[in-house]
Structures are given as C-alpha cells and as structure tokens.
Amino acid sequence: MNQHPFNPWSFLAGALFLLVAVGGAVVSADLVAPRTLLVLSPLALIALGVGGLALTFRRTS
C-alpha cells in the first residue's frame, strides 16, 4: 500500500473542523462560557493562519 503525500491545506482544514467541534463540545458541557470561547476562537484562527503561512513558505530541500 502506498502512502499519499502530506497535504498541508487539508491538514489545516481538518484542524479548523476539530477546533469548531471541540469548542461546541466544551460549551455544551458547560466547561467554558460562550463569552470566553468568543475571545479564544479568533486566537485559534490566527494560529492556524500563521501555520498555513509557515507551511506555504517552507523550504523544500
């Protein structure tokens, strides 16, 4: 069986989906207040964006 190459954009999309799912789960379980999640979610999106830029401009040697 051949292993497919790593696709960073699919990885980032999956990470975003995972963040949304975990955010919904912790709010519905009353572990985190929705107001706190509204503050933390833009920070998570910024971190994913920085990760996407780092993957875009990485050196391929």
N, C-alpha and C. Protein backbone atom coordinates (compact mmCIF):
# COMPACT_ATOMS: atom_id res chain seq x y z
N MET A 1 0.85 -1.17 0.00
CA MET A 1 0.00 0.00 0.00
C MET A 1 0.90 1.24 0.00
N ASN A 2 0.61 2.18 -0.88
CA ASN A 2 1.38 3.41 -0.98
C ASN A 2 0.79 4.48 -0.07
N GLN A 3 1.69 5.23 0.55
CA GLN A 3 1.25 6.32 1.41
C GLN A 3 1.15 7.60 0.57
N HIS A 4 0.05 8.30 0.71
CA HIS A 4 -0.13 9.54 -0.05
C HIS A 4 0.71 10.65 0.56
N PRO A 5 1.07 11.67 -0.24
CA PRO A 5 1.88 12.77 0.29
C PRO A 5 1.07 13.65 1.25
N PHE A 6 1.78 14.30 2.13
CA PHE A 6 1.15 15.18 3.12
C PHE A 6 0.61 16.42 2.43
N ASN A 7 -0.65 16.75 2.66
CA ASN A 7 -1.29 17.93 2.10
C ASN A 7 -1.54 18.91 3.25
N PRO A 8 -0.76 20.00 3.33
CA PRO A 8 -0.92 20.92 4.48
C PRO A 8 -2.28 21.61 4.51
N TRP A 9 -2.88 21.89 3.37
CA TRP A 9 -4.17 22.59 3.36
C TRP A 9 -5.27 21.70 3.90
N SER A 10 -5.24 20.43 3.57
CA SER A 10 -6.23 19.51 4.14
C SER A 10 -6.02 19.36 5.64
N PHE A 11 -4.76 19.37 6.06
CA PHE A 11 -4.45 19.29 7.48
C PHE A 11 -5.01 20.49 8.22
N LEU A 12 -4.84 21.70 7.67
CA LEU A 12 -5.34 22.91 8.32
C LEU A 12 -6.87 22.93 8.34
N ALA A 13 -7.50 22.46 7.27
CA ALA A 13 -8.96 22.39 7.26
C ALA A 13 -9.46 21.41 8.31
N GLY A 14 -8.78 20.29 8.46
CA GLY A 14 -9.15 19.33 9.50
C GLY A 14 -8.94 19.89 10.89
N ALA A 15 -7.86 20.64 11.07
CA ALA A 15 -7.61 21.25 12.38
C ALA A 15 -8.68 22.28 12.71
N LEU A 16 -9.12 23.05 11.71
CA LEU A 16 -10.19 24.02 11.93
C LEU A 16 -11.49 23.31 12.31
N PHE A 17 -11.80 22.24 11.60
CA PHE A 17 -13.00 21.47 11.91
C PHE A 17 -12.93 20.91 13.33
N LEU A 18 -11.76 20.42 13.71
CA LEU A 18 -11.58 19.89 15.05
C LEU A 18 -11.76 20.98 16.11
N LEU A 19 -11.22 22.18 15.86
CA LEU A 19 -11.39 23.28 16.81
C LEU A 19 -12.85 23.66 16.98
N VAL A 20 -13.59 23.69 15.89
CA VAL A 20 -15.02 24.03 15.97
C VAL A 20 -15.77 22.96 16.76
N ALA A 21 -15.46 21.69 16.50
CA ALA A 21 -16.14 20.60 17.20
C ALA A 21 -15.82 20.61 18.69
N VAL A 22 -14.56 20.81 19.03
CA VAL A 22 -14.17 20.84 20.44
C VAL A 22 -14.79 22.06 21.13
N GLY A 23 -14.83 23.19 20.44
CA GLY A 23 -15.45 24.39 21.00
C GLY A 23 -16.92 24.18 21.30
N GLY A 24 -17.62 23.55 20.38
CA GLY A 24 -19.03 23.26 20.61
C GLY A 24 -19.24 22.28 21.75
N ALA A 25 -18.35 21.31 21.85
CA ALA A 25 -18.48 20.30 22.91
C ALA A 25 -18.24 20.90 24.29
N VAL A 26 -17.22 21.76 24.42
CA VAL A 26 -16.94 22.32 25.75
C VAL A 26 -18.00 23.33 26.17
N VAL A 27 -18.61 24.02 25.22
CA VAL A 27 -19.69 24.96 25.59
C VAL A 27 -20.94 24.19 25.99
N SER A 28 -21.26 23.13 25.25
CA SER A 28 -22.48 22.37 25.59
C SER A 28 -22.31 21.60 26.90
N ALA A 29 -21.08 21.27 27.26
CA ALA A 29 -20.84 20.58 28.53
C ALA A 29 -20.65 21.56 29.69
N ASP A 30 -20.80 22.84 29.43
CA ASP A 30 -20.64 23.90 30.44
C ASP A 30 -19.26 23.91 31.08
N LEU A 31 -18.24 23.56 30.32
CA LEU A 31 -16.87 23.64 30.81
C LEU A 31 -16.28 25.02 30.60
N VAL A 32 -16.75 25.70 29.55
CA VAL A 32 -16.26 27.04 29.21
C VAL A 32 -17.46 27.90 28.88
N ALA A 33 -17.43 29.14 29.31
CA ALA A 33 -18.51 30.07 28.99
C ALA A 33 -18.41 30.47 27.51
N PRO A 34 -19.55 30.66 26.84
CA PRO A 34 -19.50 31.06 25.43
C PRO A 34 -18.74 32.37 25.22
N ARG A 35 -18.77 33.25 26.19
CA ARG A 35 -18.04 34.52 26.07
C ARG A 35 -16.53 34.28 26.00
N THR A 36 -16.05 33.35 26.78
CA THR A 36 -14.62 33.02 26.75
C THR A 36 -14.24 32.41 25.41
N LEU A 37 -15.11 31.58 24.88
CA LEU A 37 -14.84 30.95 23.58
C LEU A 37 -14.83 32.00 22.46
N LEU A 38 -15.63 33.04 22.60
CA LEU A 38 -15.63 34.11 21.60
C LEU A 38 -14.30 34.87 21.60
N VAL A 39 -13.62 34.88 22.72
CA VAL A 39 -12.32 35.53 22.79
C VAL A 39 -11.22 34.61 22.27
N LEU A 40 -11.32 33.32 22.58
CA LEU A 40 -10.27 32.38 22.21
C LEU A 40 -10.33 31.91 20.76
N SER A 41 -11.51 31.91 20.16
CA SER A 41 -11.64 31.40 18.79
C SER A 41 -10.87 32.24 17.76
N PRO A 42 -10.87 33.57 17.83
CA PRO A 42 -10.03 34.31 16.88
C PRO A 42 -8.54 34.01 17.06
N LEU A 43 -8.12 33.76 18.29
CA LEU A 43 -6.71 33.42 18.51
C LEU A 43 -6.37 32.09 17.86
N ALA A 44 -7.28 31.14 17.93
CA ALA A 44 -7.05 29.85 17.28
C ALA A 44 -7.00 30.01 15.76
N LEU A 45 -7.86 30.84 15.21
CA LEU A 45 -7.84 31.08 13.76
C LEU A 45 -6.55 31.78 13.32
N ILE A 46 -6.08 32.69 14.14
CA ILE A 46 -4.81 33.36 13.82
C ILE A 46 -3.66 32.35 13.86
N ALA A 47 -3.68 31.46 14.83
CA ALA A 47 -2.63 30.43 14.92
C ALA A 47 -2.68 29.50 13.70
N LEU A 48 -3.87 29.13 13.26
CA LEU A 48 -3.98 28.30 12.05
C LEU A 48 -3.51 29.06 10.82
N GLY A 49 -3.79 30.34 10.75
CA GLY A 49 -3.33 31.14 9.62
C GLY A 49 -1.82 31.25 9.59
N VAL A 50 -1.22 31.45 10.74
CA VAL A 50 0.24 31.50 10.81
C VAL A 50 0.84 30.15 10.42
N GLY A 51 0.19 29.08 10.85
CA GLY A 51 0.65 27.75 10.45
C GLY A 51 0.55 27.54 8.96
N GLY A 52 -0.53 28.03 8.36
CA GLY A 52 -0.68 27.92 6.91
C GLY A 52 0.38 28.72 6.16
N LEU A 53 0.67 29.90 6.65
CA LEU A 53 1.73 30.70 6.02
C LEU A 53 3.09 30.04 6.17
N ALA A 54 3.34 29.46 7.34
CA ALA A 54 4.62 28.78 7.54
C ALA A 54 4.74 27.57 6.61
N LEU A 55 3.65 26.84 6.42
CA LEU A 55 3.70 25.71 5.51
C LEU A 55 3.83 26.15 4.05
N THR A 56 3.29 27.31 3.73
CA THR A 56 3.40 27.81 2.36
C THR A 56 4.81 28.24 2.02
N PHE A 57 5.47 28.91 2.95
CA PHE A 57 6.78 29.46 2.68
C PHE A 57 7.93 28.59 3.18
N ARG A 58 7.65 27.35 3.51
CA ARG A 58 8.73 26.48 3.98
C ARG A 58 9.66 26.10 2.83
N ARG A 59 10.83 25.74 3.18
CA ARG A 59 11.82 25.34 2.16
C ARG A 59 11.64 23.86 1.86
N THR A 60 11.64 23.52 0.61
CA THR A 60 11.58 22.13 0.20
C THR A 60 12.94 21.71 -0.34
N SER A 61 13.68 21.01 0.48
CA SER A 61 15.02 20.59 0.08
C SER A 61 15.08 19.09 -0.06
